[in-house]
Amino acid sequence: MTSSKLRQKWIMTILGWAVALFLFFPIFWMIVTSFKTEGDAISRIPHLFFLPTLENYMAVQERANYFHFAWNSVVVSIGSTLLALAFAIPSAYAMAFIPTKRTKDTLLWMLSTKMMPSVGVLVPIYLIFRDLGLLDTITGLLIVDAMMNLPIVIWMLYTFFKEVPREVLEAARMDGAGPLRELYNLLLPLSMPGIVSTSLLAIILSWNEAFWSLNLTASKAAPLTAFIASFSSPEGLFYAKLSAASTMAIAPILILGWLSQKQLVRGLTFGAVK
């Protein structure tokens, strides 16, 4: 390796670490703050050395049942992902292997819906959910999260399906396989890395969704995003307790992302190298 290439490698490595530390620092500082007293947390001079305390975590659990909110987040995230996949897999299959003249326009239209601010459709969705009795229900939040993630899920699956060699599907058709057998016995196993990474991304997006959680739930179906928001009160923000609540809310999805990073990378790069 020449000196110029070695220098370039070192520069890119240092730059990568710098970006990673810059992005991770807010999370690190939030976790550190959660172990401070309220006085240390609001101090104008940041305290790097302090006596850690667990009083914020105990206060958070005393004020609200963390496991109730966490269970709602788990059910809504996994349920909305499964519901989105149930619609996205056949849709992406049809668009990838039975395209029409309007397929690309349809894909662009679906993606364009993500550019619309959620508040623009809040009133009609709220009124529909009110009339159907879906306000403050797991079912209602599950449906709206699935709808919000559906365009991204379809786009990702469409991309992964397009990378599957057509010759494999044509050989199955010659052996008499119908569309359903072709989809479930061939396409899904071949695209499993992409499906897994898409599912993980949908779970993360649903877990972190806050707008609909705050506007369509109250107490029964409220997930962890509403749990965090409950620590903002008319008396002001309790930074240490808010940090503790936020740490408890992101911990499960942070651990999931850390454990599944290989699957995410493998799925997101699926088909990138022929």
Protein backbone atom coordinates (compact mmCIF):
# COMPACT_ATOMS: atom_id res chain seq x y z
CA MET A 1 0.00 0.00 0.00
CA THR A 2 1.46 3.35 -1.05
CA SER A 3 1.87 6.22 1.40
CA SER A 4 -0.89 8.27 -0.29
CA LYS A 5 -3.39 5.39 -0.06
CA LEU A 6 -2.38 4.76 3.56
CA ARG A 7 -2.86 8.46 4.36
CA GLN A 8 -6.25 8.44 2.65
CA LYS A 9 -7.27 5.36 4.62
CA TRP A 10 -6.29 7.03 7.90
CA ILE A 11 -8.15 10.22 6.97
CA MET A 12 -11.32 8.29 6.12
CA THR A 13 -11.05 6.26 9.33
CA ILE A 14 -10.66 9.37 11.48
CA LEU A 15 -13.48 11.12 9.61
CA GLY A 16 -15.75 8.09 10.09
CA TRP A 17 -15.05 7.97 13.83
CA ALA A 18 -15.60 11.72 14.12
CA VAL A 19 -19.01 11.50 12.42
CA ALA A 20 -19.97 8.48 14.53
CA LEU A 21 -19.02 10.22 17.78
CA PHE A 22 -20.82 13.39 16.71
CA LEU A 23 -24.03 11.44 16.06
CA PHE A 24 -23.74 9.31 19.20
CA PHE A 25 -22.89 12.15 21.62
CA PRO A 26 -26.51 13.32 22.19
CA ILE A 27 -27.50 9.76 23.14
CA PHE A 28 -24.46 9.46 25.40
CA TRP A 29 -25.23 12.78 27.10
CA MET A 30 -28.87 11.82 27.59
CA ILE A 31 -27.84 8.57 29.30
CA VAL A 32 -25.32 10.42 31.49
CA THR A 33 -27.91 13.05 32.43
CA SER A 34 -30.36 10.36 33.49
CA PHE A 35 -28.02 9.47 36.37
CA LYS A 36 -27.70 13.09 37.58
CA THR A 37 -29.78 14.97 40.10
CA GLU A 38 -32.09 17.66 38.73
CA GLY A 39 -29.71 20.30 40.07
CA ASP A 40 -26.73 18.84 38.18
CA ALA A 41 -28.84 18.35 35.07
CA ILE A 42 -29.84 22.01 34.76
CA SER A 43 -26.45 23.40 35.76
CA ARG A 44 -25.05 25.91 33.26
CA ILE A 45 -21.63 24.30 33.67
CA PRO A 46 -21.82 20.66 32.53
CA HIS A 47 -20.80 18.23 35.26
CA LEU A 48 -18.68 15.43 33.83
CA PHE A 49 -17.85 14.06 37.28
CA PHE A 50 -20.74 13.54 39.67
CA LEU A 51 -22.20 11.02 42.07
CA PRO A 52 -24.58 8.87 39.97
CA THR A 53 -28.05 8.18 41.30
CA LEU A 54 -30.94 5.92 40.32
CA GLU A 55 -33.60 8.15 41.84
CA ASN A 56 -34.76 9.36 38.42
CA TYR A 57 -35.47 5.82 37.22
CA MET A 58 -37.35 5.03 40.41
CA ALA A 59 -39.33 8.27 40.12
CA VAL A 60 -40.20 7.51 36.49
CA GLN A 61 -41.49 4.04 37.37
CA GLU A 62 -43.47 5.39 40.32
CA ARG A 63 -45.14 8.04 38.16
CA ALA A 64 -46.08 5.76 35.26
CA ASN A 65 -46.10 2.05 34.55
CA TYR A 66 -43.21 1.72 32.12
CA PHE A 67 -44.03 -1.87 31.17
CA HIS A 68 -47.56 -0.92 30.10
CA PHE A 69 -46.21 1.62 27.61
CA ALA A 70 -43.39 -0.72 26.54
CA TRP A 71 -45.85 -3.55 25.84
CA ASN A 72 -47.97 -1.22 23.71
CA SER A 73 -44.88 -0.20 21.72
CA VAL A 74 -43.91 -3.83 21.14
CA VAL A 75 -47.40 -4.85 20.00
CA VAL A 76 -47.88 -1.81 17.76
CA SER A 77 -44.39 -2.01 16.19
CA ILE A 78 -44.52 -5.72 15.41
CA GLY A 79 -48.22 -5.72 14.49
CA SER A 80 -47.97 -2.72 12.14
CA THR A 81 -44.90 -4.26 10.49
CA LEU A 82 -46.68 -7.56 9.87
CA LEU A 83 -49.73 -5.72 8.53
CA ALA A 84 -47.57 -3.59 6.22
CA LEU A 85 -45.75 -6.71 4.95
CA ALA A 86 -49.08 -8.46 4.29
CA PHE A 87 -49.98 -5.68 1.82
CA ALA A 88 -46.48 -4.82 0.61
CA ILE A 89 -45.24 -8.27 -0.42
CA PRO A 90 -47.96 -8.98 -3.03
CA SER A 91 -47.88 -5.34 -4.19
CA ALA A 92 -44.10 -5.33 -4.65
CA TYR A 93 -44.28 -8.73 -6.38
CA ALA A 94 -46.87 -7.49 -8.87
CA MET A 95 -44.93 -4.30 -9.58
CA ALA A 96 -41.61 -6.10 -9.96
CA PHE A 97 -42.70 -9.02 -12.15
CA ILE A 98 -46.04 -7.98 -13.67
CA PRO A 99 -45.39 -4.29 -14.38
CA THR A 100 -47.72 -2.02 -16.32
CA LYS A 101 -47.18 1.34 -17.99
CA ARG A 102 -48.22 3.06 -14.76
CA THR A 103 -46.06 1.05 -12.35
CA LYS A 104 -43.29 3.64 -12.03
CA ASP A 105 -45.84 6.44 -11.69
CA THR A 106 -47.58 4.48 -8.93
CA LEU A 107 -44.31 3.96 -7.08
CA LEU A 108 -43.46 7.65 -7.30
CA TRP A 109 -46.96 8.60 -6.14
CA MET A 110 -46.69 6.29 -3.12
CA LEU A 111 -43.31 7.75 -2.19
CA SER A 112 -44.65 11.29 -2.63
CA THR A 113 -47.21 10.67 0.13
CA LYS A 114 -44.29 10.59 2.60
CA MET A 115 -43.55 14.21 1.70
CA MET A 116 -46.93 15.38 2.94
CA PRO A 117 -46.90 16.64 6.56
CA SER A 118 -48.84 14.35 8.85
CA VAL A 119 -50.73 17.26 10.38
CA GLY A 120 -52.36 17.80 6.97
CA VAL A 121 -54.41 14.62 7.34
CA LEU A 122 -54.79 14.63 11.12
CA VAL A 123 -58.37 15.94 11.20
CA PRO A 124 -59.91 13.48 8.70
CA ILE A 125 -58.10 10.50 10.22
CA TYR A 126 -59.09 11.61 13.72
CA LEU A 127 -62.76 11.91 12.71
CA ILE A 128 -62.72 8.53 10.94
CA PHE A 129 -61.11 6.83 13.93
CA ARG A 130 -63.59 8.54 16.29
CA ASP A 131 -66.57 7.28 14.30
CA LEU A 132 -65.10 3.76 14.10
CA GLY A 133 -64.25 3.69 17.80
CA LEU A 134 -60.51 3.33 17.15
CA LEU A 135 -59.27 6.25 19.24
CA ASP A 136 -56.92 5.19 22.06
CA THR A 137 -56.84 1.59 20.83
CA ILE A 138 -53.94 -0.67 19.87
CA THR A 139 -55.78 -1.57 16.66
CA GLY A 140 -56.14 2.05 15.57
CA LEU A 141 -52.50 2.93 16.23
CA LEU A 142 -51.38 -0.30 14.56
CA ILE A 143 -53.36 0.54 11.42
CA VAL A 144 -52.12 4.12 11.14
CA ASP A 145 -48.47 3.10 11.68
CA ALA A 146 -48.80 0.43 9.00
CA MET A 147 -50.25 3.01 6.59
CA MET A 148 -47.44 5.46 7.30
CA ASN A 149 -44.72 2.84 6.70
CA LEU A 150 -46.37 1.08 3.75
CA PRO A 151 -44.82 3.25 0.95
CA ILE A 152 -41.28 2.71 2.27
CA VAL A 153 -41.86 -1.02 2.81
CA ILE A 154 -43.23 -1.46 -0.73
CA TRP A 155 -40.33 0.51 -2.25
CA MET A 156 -37.70 -1.53 -0.42
CA LEU A 157 -39.31 -4.88 -1.21
CA TYR A 158 -39.76 -3.83 -4.84
CA THR A 159 -36.02 -3.08 -5.03
CA PHE A 160 -35.10 -6.42 -3.47
CA PHE A 161 -37.49 -8.39 -5.68
CA LYS A 162 -36.07 -6.73 -8.80
CA GLU A 163 -32.63 -8.15 -7.92
CA VAL A 164 -33.88 -11.75 -8.03
CA PRO A 165 -32.90 -13.33 -11.38
CA ARG A 166 -35.93 -13.71 -13.61
CA GLU A 167 -34.53 -16.98 -14.93
CA VAL A 168 -35.25 -18.64 -11.57
CA LEU A 169 -38.91 -17.64 -11.70
CA GLU A 170 -39.22 -18.58 -15.37
CA ALA A 171 -37.86 -22.05 -14.57
CA ALA A 172 -40.48 -22.42 -11.84
CA ARG A 173 -43.22 -21.37 -14.24
CA MET A 174 -42.06 -23.97 -16.75
CA ASP A 175 -42.43 -26.58 -13.99
CA GLY A 176 -46.03 -25.49 -13.50
CA ALA A 177 -45.69 -23.20 -10.48
CA GLY A 178 -48.48 -20.64 -10.15
CA PRO A 179 -48.08 -17.08 -8.88
CA LEU A 180 -48.73 -17.97 -5.22
CA ARG A 181 -46.33 -20.89 -5.21
CA GLU A 182 -43.77 -18.81 -7.09
CA LEU A 183 -44.08 -16.04 -4.53
CA TYR A 184 -44.03 -18.03 -1.31
CA ASN A 185 -41.78 -20.97 -2.30
CA LEU A 186 -39.21 -19.13 -4.38
CA LEU A 187 -39.25 -15.37 -4.15
CA LEU A 188 -39.64 -15.00 -0.39
CA PRO A 189 -36.79 -17.40 0.53
CA LEU A 190 -34.49 -15.80 -2.04
CA SER A 191 -35.34 -12.29 -0.79
CA MET A 192 -35.31 -13.12 2.94
CA PRO A 193 -32.30 -10.88 3.81
CA GLY A 194 -34.09 -7.92 2.23
CA ILE A 195 -37.40 -8.78 3.92
CA VAL A 196 -35.71 -9.06 7.32
CA SER A 197 -33.94 -5.69 6.96
CA THR A 198 -37.18 -4.08 5.75
CA SER A 199 -39.04 -5.50 8.74
CA LEU A 200 -36.39 -4.24 11.17
CA LEU A 201 -36.53 -0.77 9.63
CA ALA A 202 -40.34 -0.73 9.81
CA ILE A 203 -40.22 -1.79 13.47
CA ILE A 204 -37.76 1.01 14.27
CA LEU A 205 -39.85 3.62 12.43
CA SER A 206 -43.01 2.49 14.20
CA TRP A 207 -41.30 2.40 17.59
CA ASN A 208 -40.04 5.98 17.16
CA GLU A 209 -43.30 7.38 15.75
CA ALA A 210 -44.60 10.15 18.01
CA PHE A 211 -47.07 12.37 16.12
CA TRP A 212 -49.88 9.84 15.76
CA SER A 213 -49.22 8.33 19.17
CA LEU A 214 -49.74 11.67 20.88
CA ASN A 215 -52.84 12.61 18.87
CA LEU A 216 -54.69 9.29 18.65
CA THR A 217 -54.03 7.79 22.08
CA ALA A 218 -54.61 8.85 25.67
CA SER A 219 -53.71 6.15 28.18
CA LYS A 220 -54.87 2.66 27.17
CA ALA A 221 -52.91 2.36 23.90
CA ALA A 222 -50.21 4.97 24.54
CA PRO A 223 -46.71 3.72 23.54
CA LEU A 224 -43.34 4.82 24.87
CA THR A 225 -43.29 8.03 22.82
CA ALA A 226 -46.32 9.20 24.80
CA PHE A 227 -44.59 7.97 27.96
CA ILE A 228 -41.70 10.37 27.25
CA ALA A 229 -44.02 13.28 26.47
CA SER A 230 -45.78 12.84 29.82
CA PHE A 231 -42.70 14.19 31.59
CA SER A 232 -43.27 17.64 30.09
CA SER A 233 -45.51 19.45 32.57
CA PRO A 234 -46.82 23.00 33.15
CA GLU A 235 -44.27 23.31 35.94
CA GLY A 236 -41.48 22.91 33.41
CA LEU A 237 -39.17 20.22 32.11
CA PHE A 238 -37.51 17.85 34.56
CA TYR A 239 -34.39 17.17 32.53
CA ALA A 240 -32.97 14.33 34.61
CA LYS A 241 -36.28 12.47 34.79
CA LEU A 242 -36.98 13.19 31.12
CA SER A 243 -33.56 11.77 30.25
CA ALA A 244 -34.27 8.68 32.35
CA ALA A 245 -37.64 8.18 30.64
CA SER A 246 -36.06 8.67 27.21
CA THR A 247 -33.27 6.21 28.02
CA MET A 248 -35.81 3.62 29.12
CA ALA A 249 -37.81 4.22 25.92
CA ILE A 250 -34.93 3.90 23.45
CA ALA A 251 -33.06 1.11 25.25
CA PRO A 252 -35.03 -1.82 23.73
CA ILE A 253 -34.86 -0.54 20.14
CA LEU A 254 -31.21 0.50 20.59
CA ILE A 255 -30.33 -3.01 21.74
CA LEU A 256 -32.34 -4.51 18.86
CA GLY A 257 -30.52 -2.32 16.35
CA TRP A 258 -27.15 -3.21 17.85
CA LEU A 259 -27.84 -6.96 17.81
CA SER A 260 -29.30 -6.92 14.30
CA GLN A 261 -26.81 -4.55 12.64
CA LYS A 262 -25.30 -7.37 10.57
CA GLN A 263 -28.74 -8.36 9.27
CA LEU A 264 -29.56 -4.72 8.50
CA VAL A 265 -26.35 -4.17 6.56
CA ARG A 266 -26.69 -7.48 4.77
CA GLY A 267 -30.28 -6.77 3.80
CA LEU A 268 -29.72 -3.17 2.75
CA THR A 269 -26.79 -4.22 0.52
CA PHE A 270 -28.67 -7.27 -0.83
CA GLY A 271 -28.18 -7.44 -4.57
CA ALA A 272 -25.72 -4.53 -4.64
CA VAL A 273 -22.94 -6.81 -5.89
CA LYS A 274 -23.71 -9.13 -8.76
